[in-house]
C-alpha atoms as a PDB file:
ATOM      1  CA  MET A   1     -14.393 -28.564   3.847  1.00  0.00           C
ATOM      2  CA  SER A   2     -11.542 -30.912   4.796  1.00  0.00           C
ATOM      3  CA  HIS A   3      -8.264 -29.323   5.947  1.00  0.00           C
ATOM      4  CA  LEU A   4      -6.357 -32.308   4.586  1.00  0.00           C
ATOM      5  CA  THR A   5      -4.811 -32.912   1.201  1.00  0.00           C
ATOM      6  CA  PRO A   6      -6.090 -35.878  -0.817  1.00  0.00           C
ATOM      7  CA  SER A   7      -3.151 -37.823   0.695  1.00  0.00           C
ATOM      8  CA  GLY A   8      -4.429 -37.089   4.229  1.00  0.00           C
ATOM      9  CA  LYS A   9      -1.775 -34.502   5.253  1.00  0.00           C
ATOM     10  CA  TRP A  10      -2.772 -31.166   6.892  1.00  0.00           C
ATOM     11  CA  ASP A  11      -2.466 -28.363   4.319  1.00  0.00           C
ATOM     12  CA  ALA A  12      -3.143 -24.634   4.798  1.00  0.00           C
ATOM     13  CA  ARG A  13      -4.332 -24.382   1.184  1.00  0.00           C
ATOM     14  CA  TYR A  14      -7.417 -26.392   2.115  1.00  0.00           C
ATOM     15  CA  LEU A  15      -8.503 -24.315   5.153  1.00  0.00           C
ATOM     16  CA  GLY A  16     -10.778 -21.846   3.327  1.00  0.00           C
ATOM     17  CA  PRO A  17     -14.131 -22.245   1.617  1.00  0.00           C
ATOM     18  CA  VAL A  18     -12.303 -23.088  -1.644  1.00  0.00           C
ATOM     19  CA  PRO A  19      -8.908 -24.772  -2.233  1.00  0.00           C
ATOM     20  CA  HIS A  20      -6.035 -22.335  -2.794  1.00  0.00           C
ATOM     21  CA  ASP A  21      -4.911 -23.439  -6.257  1.00  0.00           C
ATOM     22  CA  SER A  22      -3.269 -21.335  -8.989  1.00  0.00           C
ATOM     23  CA  ALA A  23      -6.702 -20.052 -10.117  1.00  0.00           C
ATOM     24  CA  TYR A  24      -7.377 -18.845  -6.534  1.00  0.00           C
ATOM     25  CA  TYR A  25      -4.038 -16.976  -6.371  1.00  0.00           C
ATOM     26  CA  ALA A  26      -4.614 -15.473  -9.847  1.00  0.00           C
ATOM     27  CA  LYS A  27      -8.010 -14.128  -8.729  1.00  0.00           C
ATOM     28  CA  CYS A  28      -6.386 -12.693  -5.591  1.00  0.00           C
ATOM     29  CA  MET A  29      -3.783 -10.962  -7.791  1.00  0.00           C
ATOM     30  CA  LEU A  30      -6.547  -9.446  -9.914  1.00  0.00           C
ATOM     31  CA  GLY A  31      -8.354  -8.331  -6.750  1.00  0.00           C
ATOM     32  CA  GLY A  32      -5.109  -6.649  -5.629  1.00  0.00           C
ATOM     33  CA  VAL A  33      -4.798  -4.805  -8.969  1.00  0.00           C
ATOM     34  CA  LEU A  34      -8.310  -3.384  -8.525  1.00  0.00           C
ATOM     35  CA  ALA A  35      -7.846  -2.608  -4.822  1.00  0.00           C
ATOM     36  CA  CYS A  36      -4.585  -0.660  -5.176  1.00  0.00           C
ATOM     37  CA  GLY A  37      -4.659   0.751  -8.728  1.00  0.00           C
ATOM     38  CA  VAL A  38      -8.142   2.270  -8.531  1.00  0.00           C
ATOM     39  CA  THR A  39      -7.823   3.688  -5.002  1.00  0.00           C
ATOM     40  CA  HIS A  40      -4.351   5.233  -5.364  1.00  0.00           C
ATOM     41  CA  ALA A  41      -5.137   6.761  -8.759  1.00  0.00           C
ATOM     42  CA  GLY A  42      -8.446   8.122  -7.418  1.00  0.00           C
ATOM     43  CA  ILE A  43      -6.742  10.170  -4.705  1.00  0.00           C
ATOM     44  CA  THR A  44      -3.970  11.594  -6.918  1.00  0.00           C
ATOM     45  CA  PRO A  45      -4.901  15.227  -5.961  1.00  0.00           C
ATOM     46  CA  LEU A  46      -4.371  14.452  -2.249  1.00  0.00           C
ATOM     47  CA  ASP A  47      -1.049  12.823  -3.097  1.00  0.00           C
ATOM     48  CA  VAL A  48       0.118  15.812  -5.186  1.00  0.00           C
ATOM     49  CA  ALA A  49      -0.731  18.168  -2.295  1.00  0.00           C
ATOM     50  CA  LYS A  50       0.956  15.895   0.305  1.00  0.00           C
ATOM     51  CA  CYS A  51       4.187  15.529  -1.720  1.00  0.00           C
ATOM     52  CA  ASN A  52       4.422  19.283  -2.248  1.00  0.00           C
ATOM     53  CA  MET A  53       3.699  19.991   1.446  1.00  0.00           C
ATOM     54  CA  GLN A  54       6.607  17.688   2.353  1.00  0.00           C
ATOM     55  CA  VAL A  55       9.016  19.131  -0.209  1.00  0.00           C
ATOM     56  CA  ASN A  56       8.056  22.825  -0.077  1.00  0.00           C
ATOM     57  CA  PRO A  57       6.243  23.478   3.238  1.00  0.00           C
ATOM     58  CA  ALA A  58       6.779  27.252   3.033  1.00  0.00           C
ATOM     59  CA  LYS A  59       4.672  27.456  -0.126  1.00  0.00           C
ATOM     60  CA  TYR A  60       2.220  24.578   0.465  1.00  0.00           C
ATOM     61  CA  LYS A  61       1.098  25.064   4.058  1.00  0.00           C
ATOM     62  CA  GLY A  62      -2.000  22.880   4.208  1.00  0.00           C
ATOM     63  CA  LEU A  63      -4.138  20.503   2.175  1.00  0.00           C
ATOM     64  CA  THR A  64      -6.857  22.956   1.075  1.00  0.00           C
ATOM     65  CA  SER A  65      -4.531  25.915   0.502  1.00  0.00           C
ATOM     66  CA  GLY A  66      -2.009  23.602  -1.223  1.00  0.00           C
ATOM     67  CA  LEU A  67      -4.651  22.318  -3.658  1.00  0.00           C
ATOM     68  CA  ALA A  68      -5.864  25.901  -4.261  1.00  0.00           C
ATOM     69  CA  THR A  69      -2.279  27.015  -5.050  1.00  0.00           C
ATOM     70  CA  LEU A  70      -1.809  24.116  -7.504  1.00  0.00           C
ATOM     71  CA  VAL A  71      -5.115  24.840  -9.281  1.00  0.00           C
ATOM     72  CA  ARG A  72      -4.350  28.582  -9.429  1.00  0.00           C
ATOM     73  CA  GLU A  73      -0.864  28.061 -10.889  1.00  0.00           C
ATOM     74  CA  GLU A  74      -1.375  24.999 -13.073  1.00  0.00           C
ATOM     75  CA  GLY A  75      -5.133  24.698 -13.639  1.00  0.00           C
ATOM     76  CA  GLN A  76      -7.283  21.600 -12.987  1.00  0.00           C
ATOM     77  CA  THR A  77      -4.728  19.310 -14.624  1.00  0.00           C
ATOM     78  CA  GLY A  78      -2.132  20.356 -12.001  1.00  0.00           C
ATOM     79  CA  ILE A  79      -3.835  18.361  -9.275  1.00  0.00           C
ATOM     80  CA  TRP A  80      -3.993  15.205 -11.428  1.00  0.00           C
ATOM     81  CA  LYS A  81      -0.269  15.191 -12.245  1.00  0.00           C
ATOM     82  CA  GLY A  82       1.205  11.696 -12.043  1.00  0.00           C
ATOM     83  CA  PHE A  83      -2.130   9.872 -12.540  1.00  0.00           C
ATOM     84  CA  GLY A  84      -0.652   7.480 -15.179  1.00  0.00           C
ATOM     85  CA  PRO A  85       2.383   6.189 -13.255  1.00  0.00           C
ATOM     86  CA  THR A  86       0.292   6.076 -10.059  1.00  0.00           C
ATOM     87  CA  PHE A  87      -2.349   3.852 -11.668  1.00  0.00           C
ATOM     88  CA  VAL A  88       0.120   1.501 -13.380  1.00  0.00           C
ATOM     89  CA  GLY A  89       2.622   1.431 -10.484  1.00  0.00           C
ATOM     90  CA  TYR A  90       0.084   0.712  -7.766  1.00  0.00           C
ATOM     91  CA  SER A  91      -1.818  -1.821  -9.906  1.00  0.00           C
ATOM     92  CA  LEU A  92       1.415  -3.811 -10.202  1.00  0.00           C
ATOM     93  CA  GLN A  93       2.188  -3.286  -6.518  1.00  0.00           C
ATOM     94  CA  GLY A  94      -1.322  -4.468  -5.515  1.00  0.00           C
ATOM     95  CA  MET A  95      -1.068  -7.541  -7.719  1.00  0.00           C
ATOM     96  CA  PHE A  96       2.044  -8.725  -5.876  1.00  0.00           C
ATOM     97  CA  LYS A  97       1.155  -7.337  -2.428  1.00  0.00           C
ATOM     98  CA  TYR A  98      -2.183  -9.143  -2.136  1.00  0.00           C
ATOM     99  CA  GLY A  99      -1.600 -12.079  -4.486  1.00  0.00           C
ATOM    100  CA  LEU A 100       1.789 -13.036  -3.053  1.00  0.00           C
ATOM    101  CA  TYR A 101       0.564 -12.456   0.520  1.00  0.00           C
ATOM    102  CA  GLU A 102      -1.913 -15.304  -0.020  1.00  0.00           C
ATOM    103  CA  VAL A 103       0.847 -17.469  -1.541  1.00  0.00           C
ATOM    104  CA  PHE A 104       3.433 -16.791   1.200  1.00  0.00           C
ATOM    105  CA  LYS A 105       0.874 -17.118   4.003  1.00  0.00           C
ATOM    106  CA  ASP A 106      -0.032 -20.634   2.827  1.00  0.00           C
ATOM    107  CA  GLN A 107       3.634 -21.559   2.236  1.00  0.00           C
ATOM    108  CA  TYR A 108       4.720 -20.415   5.710  1.00  0.00           C
ATOM    109  CA  MET A 109       1.769 -22.147   7.399  1.00  0.00           C
ATOM    110  CA  ASN A 110       2.677 -25.395   5.667  1.00  0.00           C
ATOM    111  CA  LEU A 111       6.329 -24.964   6.674  1.00  0.00           C
ATOM    112  CA  ALA A 112       5.317 -24.372  10.302  1.00  0.00           C
ATOM    113  CA  GLY A 113       2.683 -27.135  10.427  1.00  0.00           C
ATOM    114  CA  GLU A 114      -0.780 -27.084  11.985  1.00  0.00           C
ATOM    115  CA  GLU A 115       0.103 -26.604  15.643  1.00  0.00           C
ATOM    116  CA  LEU A 116       2.656 -23.804  15.211  1.00  0.00           C
ATOM    117  CA  SER A 117       0.506 -22.066  12.572  1.00  0.00           C
ATOM    118  CA  ASN A 118      -2.376 -21.780  15.030  1.00  0.00           C
ATOM    119  CA  LYS A 119      -0.102 -20.775  17.901  1.00  0.00           C
ATOM    120  CA  TYR A 120       1.891 -18.122  16.016  1.00  0.00           C
ATOM    121  CA  LYS A 121      -0.678 -16.711  13.573  1.00  0.00           C
ATOM    122  CA  PRO A 122       0.624 -13.113  13.875  1.00  0.00           C
ATOM    123  CA  ALA A 123       4.163 -14.238  12.924  1.00  0.00           C
ATOM    124  CA  ILE A 124       2.751 -15.857   9.758  1.00  0.00           C
ATOM    125  CA  TRP A 125       0.868 -12.632   8.866  1.00  0.00           C
ATOM    126  CA  LEU A 126       4.027 -10.553   9.385  1.00  0.00           C
ATOM    127  CA  ALA A 127       6.342 -12.880   7.444  1.00  0.00           C
ATOM    128  CA  GLY A 128       3.855 -13.322   4.592  1.00  0.00           C
ATOM    129  CA  SER A 129       3.183  -9.604   4.149  1.00  0.00           C
ATOM    130  CA  ALA A 130       6.887  -8.637   4.397  1.00  0.00           C
ATOM    131  CA  SER A 131       7.883 -11.239   1.775  1.00  0.00           C
ATOM    132  CA  ALA A 132       5.140 -10.112  -0.613  1.00  0.00           C
ATOM    133  CA  GLU A 133       6.048  -6.434  -0.241  1.00  0.00           C
ATOM    134  CA  VAL A 134       9.712  -7.009  -1.211  1.00  0.00           C
ATOM    135  CA  PHE A 135       8.527  -8.052  -4.699  1.00  0.00           C
ATOM    136  CA  ALA A 136       5.681  -5.517  -4.845  1.00  0.00           C
ATOM    137  CA  ASP A 137       8.128  -2.617  -4.328  1.00  0.00           C
ATOM    138  CA  ILE A 138      10.523  -3.779  -7.042  1.00  0.00           C
ATOM    139  CA  ALA A 139       7.575  -3.514  -9.467  1.00  0.00           C
ATOM    140  CA  LEU A 140       6.468  -0.149  -8.058  1.00  0.00           C
ATOM    141  CA  CYS A 141       9.839   1.632  -7.690  1.00  0.00           C
ATOM    142  CA  PRO A 142      10.481   3.015 -11.228  1.00  0.00           C
ATOM    143  CA  LEU A 143       6.887   4.270 -11.438  1.00  0.00           C
ATOM    144  CA  GLU A 144       6.902   5.767  -7.921  1.00  0.00           C
ATOM    145  CA  MET A 145      10.125   7.675  -8.744  1.00  0.00           C
ATOM    146  CA  THR A 146       8.552   9.002 -11.943  1.00  0.00           C
ATOM    147  CA  LYS A 147       5.350   9.984 -10.087  1.00  0.00           C
ATOM    148  CA  VAL A 148       7.221  11.934  -7.375  1.00  0.00           C
ATOM    149  CA  LYS A 149       9.325  13.736 -10.021  1.00  0.00           C
ATOM    150  CA  ILE A 150       6.214  14.721 -12.028  1.00  0.00           C
ATOM    151  CA  GLN A 151       4.384  15.888  -8.900  1.00  0.00           C
ATOM    152  CA  THR A 152       7.157  17.879  -7.238  1.00  0.00           C
ATOM    153  CA  SER A 153       8.971  19.455 -10.229  1.00  0.00           C
ATOM    154  CA  PRO A 154       8.143  23.165 -10.719  1.00  0.00           C
ATOM    155  CA  SER A 155       5.680  23.686 -13.564  1.00  0.00           C
ATOM    156  CA  GLY A 156       7.319  23.458 -16.988  1.00  0.00           C
ATOM    157  CA  THR A 157      10.614  21.915 -15.789  1.00  0.00           C
ATOM    158  CA  PHE A 158       9.645  18.257 -16.266  1.00  0.00           C
ATOM    159  CA  PRO A 159       7.201  16.519 -18.666  1.00  0.00           C
ATOM    160  CA  THR A 160       3.857  15.631 -17.053  1.00  0.00           C
ATOM    161  CA  SER A 161       2.614  13.067 -19.600  1.00  0.00           C
ATOM    162  CA  PHE A 162       3.343   9.441 -18.662  1.00  0.00           C
ATOM    163  CA  GLY A 163       5.380   8.350 -21.719  1.00  0.00           C
ATOM    164  CA  ALA A 164       7.461  11.538 -21.936  1.00  0.00           C
ATOM    165  CA  ALA A 165       8.162  11.441 -18.186  1.00  0.00           C
ATOM    166  CA  LEU A 166       9.413   7.821 -18.360  1.00  0.00           C
ATOM    167  CA  ALA A 167      11.654   8.712 -21.317  1.00  0.00           C
ATOM    168  CA  GLU A 168      13.044  11.731 -19.432  1.00  0.00           C
ATOM    169  CA  MET A 169      13.719   9.616 -16.303  1.00  0.00           C
ATOM    170  CA  SER A 170      15.683   7.096 -18.445  1.00  0.00           C
ATOM    171  CA  LYS A 171      17.618   9.893 -20.115  1.00  0.00           C
ATOM    172  CA  THR A 172      18.579  11.537 -16.809  1.00  0.00           C
ATOM    173  CA  LYS A 173      19.117   8.318 -14.870  1.00  0.00           C
ATOM    174  CA  VAL A 174      22.588   9.335 -13.643  1.00  0.00           C
ATOM    175  CA  GLU A 175      21.103  12.164 -11.584  1.00  0.00           C
ATOM    176  CA  THR A 176      17.629  10.725 -10.885  1.00  0.00           C
ATOM    177  CA  ARG A 177      19.065   7.266  -9.957  1.00  0.00           C
ATOM    178  CA  TYR A 178      16.239   5.764 -12.044  1.00  0.00           C
ATOM    179  CA  PRO A 179      14.907   3.001 -12.047  1.00  0.00           C
ATOM    180  CA  PHE A 180      15.778   1.660  -8.562  1.00  0.00           C
ATOM    181  CA  GLY A 181      17.389   4.604  -6.753  1.00  0.00           C
ATOM    182  CA  SER A 182      14.489   4.922  -4.321  1.00  0.00           C
ATOM    183  CA  LEU A 183      14.137   1.179  -3.694  1.00  0.00           C
ATOM    184  CA  VAL A 184      15.794   1.158  -0.243  1.00  0.00           C
ATOM    185  CA  PRO A 185      13.751   4.107   1.162  1.00  0.00           C
ATOM    186  CA  LEU A 186      10.689   2.594  -0.529  1.00  0.00           C
ATOM    187  CA  TRP A 187      11.325  -0.739   1.207  1.00  0.00           C
ATOM    188  CA  SER A 188      11.943   1.066   4.516  1.00  0.00           C
ATOM    189  CA  ARG A 189       8.602   2.856   4.133  1.00  0.00           C
ATOM    190  CA  GLN A 190       6.503   0.090   2.578  1.00  0.00           C
ATOM    191  CA  ILE A 191       7.679  -3.099   4.340  1.00  0.00           C
ATOM    192  CA  PRO A 192       6.930  -1.900   7.937  1.00  0.00           C
ATOM    193  CA  TYR A 193       3.769  -0.230   6.574  1.00  0.00           C
ATOM    194  CA  THR A 194       2.539  -3.402   4.851  1.00  0.00           C
ATOM    195  CA  MET A 195       3.410  -5.592   7.839  1.00  0.00           C
ATOM    196  CA  ALA A 196       1.432  -3.219  10.075  1.00  0.00           C
ATOM    197  CA  LYS A 197      -1.407  -3.009   7.518  1.00  0.00           C
ATOM    198  CA  PHE A 198      -1.860  -6.779   7.199  1.00  0.00           C
ATOM    199  CA  PHE A 199      -1.137  -7.541  10.869  1.00  0.00           C
ATOM    200  CA  PHE A 200      -3.563  -4.954  12.286  1.00  0.00           C
ATOM    201  CA  PHE A 201      -6.171  -5.788   9.647  1.00  0.00           C
ATOM    202  CA  GLU A 202      -6.074  -9.527  10.462  1.00  0.00           C
ATOM    203  CA  LYS A 203      -5.954  -8.783  14.214  1.00  0.00           C
ATOM    204  CA  ILE A 204      -8.898  -6.328  14.162  1.00  0.00           C
ATOM    205  CA  VAL A 205     -10.950  -8.750  12.025  1.00  0.00           C
ATOM    206  CA  GLN A 206     -10.139 -11.466  14.566  1.00  0.00           C
ATOM    207  CA  VAL A 207     -11.305  -9.220  17.436  1.00  0.00           C
ATOM    208  CA  PHE A 208     -14.563  -8.410  15.581  1.00  0.00           C
ATOM    209  CA  TYR A 209     -15.327 -12.101  15.074  1.00  0.00           C
ATOM    210  CA  THR A 210     -14.370 -13.159  18.608  1.00  0.00           C
ATOM    211  CA  ARG A 211     -15.847 -10.226  20.582  1.00  0.00           C
ATOM    212  CA  VAL A 212     -18.583  -8.565  18.515  1.00  0.00           C
ATOM    213  CA  PHE A 213     -19.881 -11.064  15.938  1.00  0.00           C
ATOM    214  CA  THR A 214     -19.451 -14.230  17.953  1.00  0.00           C
ATOM    215  CA  GLU A 215     -21.370 -16.669  15.744  1.00  0.00           C
ATOM    216  CA  PRO A 216     -19.385 -18.565  13.049  1.00  0.00           C
ATOM    217  CA  LYS A 217     -18.228 -16.065  10.397  1.00  0.00           C
ATOM    218  CA  GLU A 218     -20.030 -17.811   7.524  1.00  0.00           C
ATOM    219  CA  THR A 219     -23.419 -17.328   9.260  1.00  0.00           C
ATOM    220  CA  TYR A 220     -23.186 -13.540   8.715  1.00  0.00           C
ATOM    221  CA  SER A 221     -24.331 -11.862   5.501  1.00  0.00           C
ATOM    222  CA  LYS A 222     -21.819 -10.651   2.906  1.00  0.00           C
ATOM    223  CA  THR A 223     -22.810  -7.068   3.770  1.00  0.00           C
ATOM    224  CA  THR A 224     -21.897  -7.599   7.443  1.00  0.00           C
ATOM    225  CA  GLN A 225     -18.629  -9.349   6.546  1.00  0.00           C
ATOM    226  CA  LEU A 226     -17.677  -6.546   4.145  1.00  0.00           C
ATOM    227  CA  GLY A 227     -18.588  -3.969   6.821  1.00  0.00           C
ATOM    228  CA  VAL A 228     -16.147  -5.696   9.189  1.00  0.00           C
ATOM    229  CA  THR A 229     -13.573  -5.651   6.347  1.00  0.00           C
ATOM    230  CA  PHE A 230     -13.961  -1.883   5.778  1.00  0.00           C
ATOM    231  CA  ALA A 231     -13.871  -0.936   9.481  1.00  0.00           C
ATOM    232  CA  SER A 232     -10.823  -3.144  10.104  1.00  0.00           C
ATOM    233  CA  GLY A 233      -9.065  -1.759   7.026  1.00  0.00           C
ATOM    234  CA  TYR A 234      -9.739   1.851   8.054  1.00  0.00           C
ATOM    235  CA  LEU A 235      -8.429   1.363  11.611  1.00  0.00           C
ATOM    236  CA  ALA A 236      -5.387  -0.560  10.357  1.00  0.00           C
ATOM    237  CA  GLY A 237      -4.699   2.280   7.902  1.00  0.00           C
ATOM    238  CA  VAL A 238      -4.620   4.933  10.635  1.00  0.00           C
ATOM    239  CA  VAL A 239      -2.015   2.947  12.602  1.00  0.00           C
ATOM    240  CA  CYS A 240       0.032   2.439   9.411  1.00  0.00           C
ATOM    241  CA  ALA A 241       0.059   6.100   8.469  1.00  0.00           C
ATOM    242  CA  ILE A 242       1.587   7.037  11.819  1.00  0.00           C
ATOM    243  CA  VAL A 243       4.176   4.213  11.717  1.00  0.00           C
ATOM    244  CA  SER A 244       5.465   4.909   8.202  1.00  0.00           C
ATOM    245  CA  HIS A 245       5.213   8.700   7.956  1.00  0.00           C
ATOM    246  CA  PRO A 246       8.882   9.651   8.621  1.00  0.00           C
ATOM    247  CA  ALA A 247      10.117   7.365   5.809  1.00  0.00           C
ATOM    248  CA  ASP A 248       7.395   8.710   3.488  1.00  0.00           C
ATOM    249  CA  THR A 249       8.635  12.274   4.072  1.00  0.00           C
ATOM    250  CA  VAL A 250      12.220  11.197   3.246  1.00  0.00           C
ATOM    251  CA  VAL A 251      11.065   9.591  -0.049  1.00  0.00           C
ATOM    252  CA  SER A 252       9.378  12.879  -1.030  1.00  0.00           C
ATOM    253  CA  LEU A 253      12.398  14.972   0.003  1.00  0.00           C
ATOM    254  CA  MET A 254      14.773  12.779  -2.056  1.00  0.00           C
ATOM    255  CA  GLY A 255      13.009  14.015  -5.200  1.00  0.00           C
ATOM    256  CA  LYS A 256      13.909  17.645  -4.352  1.00  0.00           C
ATOM    257  CA  PRO A 257      16.783  19.081  -6.493  1.00  0.00           C
ATOM    258  CA  ALA A 258      18.444  20.649  -3.395  1.00  0.00           C
ATOM    259  CA  ASN A 259      18.862  17.159  -1.898  1.00  0.00           C
ATOM    260  CA  LYS A 260      20.500  15.615  -4.962  1.00  0.00           C
ATOM    261  CA  GLY A 261      23.252  13.205  -3.937  1.00  0.00           C
ATOM    262  CA  LYS A 262      22.570  13.555  -0.190  1.00  0.00           C
ATOM    263  CA  SER A 263      22.286  10.390   1.877  1.00  0.00           C
ATOM    264  CA  ILE A 264      19.053   9.395   3.646  1.00  0.00           C
ATOM    265  CA  GLY A 265      20.734  10.072   7.016  1.00  0.00           C
ATOM    266  CA  THR A 266      21.778  13.592   5.977  1.00  0.00           C
ATOM    267  CA  ILE A 267      18.272  14.454   4.744  1.00  0.00           C
ATOM    268  CA  ALA A 268      16.748  13.084   7.977  1.00  0.00           C
ATOM    269  CA  SER A 269      19.103  14.988  10.293  1.00  0.00           C
ATOM    270  CA  GLU A 270      18.733  18.264   8.348  1.00  0.00           C
ATOM    271  CA  THR A 271      14.937  18.043   8.478  1.00  0.00           C
ATOM    272  CA  GLY A 272      14.727  16.915  12.120  1.00  0.00           C
ATOM    273  CA  MET A 273      12.788  13.990  13.584  1.00  0.00           C
ATOM    274  CA  VAL A 274       9.745  15.994  14.742  1.00  0.00           C
ATOM    275  CA  ALA A 275       9.259  17.558  11.313  1.00  0.00           C
ATOM    276  CA  LEU A 276       9.738  14.175   9.582  1.00  0.00           C
ATOM    277  CA  ALA A 277       7.114  12.573  11.825  1.00  0.00           C
ATOM    278  CA  THR A 278       4.502  15.358  11.715  1.00  0.00           C
ATOM    279  CA  LYS A 279       4.750  17.291   8.425  1.00  0.00           C
ATOM    280  CA  GLY A 280       1.633  16.469   6.409  1.00  0.00           C
ATOM    281  CA  LEU A 281       0.628  13.745   8.910  1.00  0.00           C
ATOM    282  CA  GLY A 282      -3.034  14.833   9.334  1.00  0.00           C
ATOM    283  CA  THR A 283      -3.582  14.647   5.583  1.00  0.00           C
ATOM    284  CA  ARG A 284      -1.860  11.279   5.420  1.00  0.00           C
ATOM    285  CA  VAL A 285      -3.914   9.749   8.296  1.00  0.00           C
ATOM    286  CA  LEU A 286      -7.127  10.778   6.525  1.00  0.00           C
ATOM    287  CA  MET A 287      -5.776   9.622   3.175  1.00  0.00           C
ATOM    288  CA  ILE A 288      -4.326   6.259   4.294  1.00  0.00           C
ATOM    289  CA  GLY A 289      -7.243   5.379   6.626  1.00  0.00           C
ATOM    290  CA  THR A 290      -9.799   5.860   3.868  1.00  0.00           C
ATOM    291  CA  LEU A 291      -7.518   4.314   1.271  1.00  0.00           C
ATOM    292  CA  THR A 292      -6.787   1.164   3.300  1.00  0.00           C
ATOM    293  CA  GLY A 293     -10.458   0.766   4.234  1.00  0.00           C
ATOM    294  CA  PHE A 294     -11.497   0.925   0.575  1.00  0.00           C
ATOM    295  CA  GLN A 295      -8.609  -1.282  -0.589  1.00  0.00           C
ATOM    296  CA  TRP A 296      -9.585  -4.110   1.728  1.00  0.00           C
ATOM    297  CA  TRP A 297     -13.258  -3.560   0.903  1.00  0.00           C
ATOM    298  CA  ILE A 298     -12.636  -3.738  -2.881  1.00  0.00           C
ATOM    299  CA  TYR A 299     -10.318  -6.731  -2.464  1.00  0.00           C
ATOM    300  CA  ASP A 300     -12.773  -8.655  -0.271  1.00  0.00           C
ATOM    301  CA  SER A 301     -15.787  -7.647  -2.411  1.00  0.00           C
ATOM    302  CA  PHE A 302     -13.983  -9.063  -5.432  1.00  0.00           C
ATOM    303  CA  LYS A 303     -12.988 -12.234  -3.559  1.00  0.00           C
ATOM    304  CA  SER A 304     -16.547 -12.577  -2.280  1.00  0.00           C
ATOM    305  CA  ALA A 305     -18.037 -12.123  -5.760  1.00  0.00           C
ATOM    306  CA  MET A 306     -15.665 -14.817  -7.036  1.00  0.00           C
ATOM    307  CA  GLY A 307     -16.902 -17.175  -4.302  1.00  0.00           C
ATOM    308  CA  LEU A 308     -13.575 -17.140  -2.413  1.00  0.00           C
ATOM    309  CA  GLY A 309     -14.908 -15.757   0.895  1.00  0.00           C
ATOM    310  CA  THR A 310     -13.605 -12.686   2.779  1.00  0.00           C
ATOM    311  CA  THR A 311     -10.136 -12.383   4.378  1.00  0.00           C
ATOM    312  CA  GLY A 312      -9.437 -13.210   8.021  1.00  0.00           C
ATOM    313  CA  GLY A 313     -11.559 -14.587  10.860  1.00  0.00           C
ATOM    314  CA  LYS A 314     -11.172 -16.093  14.307  1.00  0.00           C
END
């Protein structure tokens, strides 16, 4: 396919197997909804255990024992607390994260021009993913705050059903800082995380196609391409989990009543850097690695099924 617009000018939107028009971006947004909404909602029990391990480590010492404690005290429904806001929040986040990444990546490549785009590919990946995540987090924030409150409030002190929880958050917004009180810590956790996730994913895919599968990418079967997608996503996820863990712990601790009104700096210094970086990290590496692998796999499977080709290459 030609890389030129009908007028003969180089255009990043014409580099792939299909032109990147509004229908292409809309399909990418839908792929993002599926990739993030389904995967995050599916691992709600792990998330409930992780949040409680961060907020109350004396009671919730590990993943298995934490889940057992939740089931013992609150029954099976206890480990699925926050499923509604998780599904809706991360569907919206995925729509903007993946859909706008494709939009910004093309925009920035066209701003830079052909030569600079090829020379500074990683800078384009980083700028595109950071820009997309700014908008993705604005959509996610009110739902993430509600989710954390549902998951970390002692049983019976806060409504667990989606509608009632949203109403309660609105009613108590002076103390909960709803809807955008957690936006800055969310940005500080998610923007570096997303930049790392997209950068390492694109980079690892590039390495696979330059070192391991050295024939042109389109000569490999969809199964092989999607295998590369999953492996790259998993490895990128492990790196991300380590990079963003301290900020993730702070977000969880902000939901704790004892920390009401405290600044991020105060919470961080009281907890200590080592604890922020390591508390619940093993669970999160396992969770984010698998999650990121499946997200990219779902996203690329959807793109592939729609005839848009998989993400990344040489």
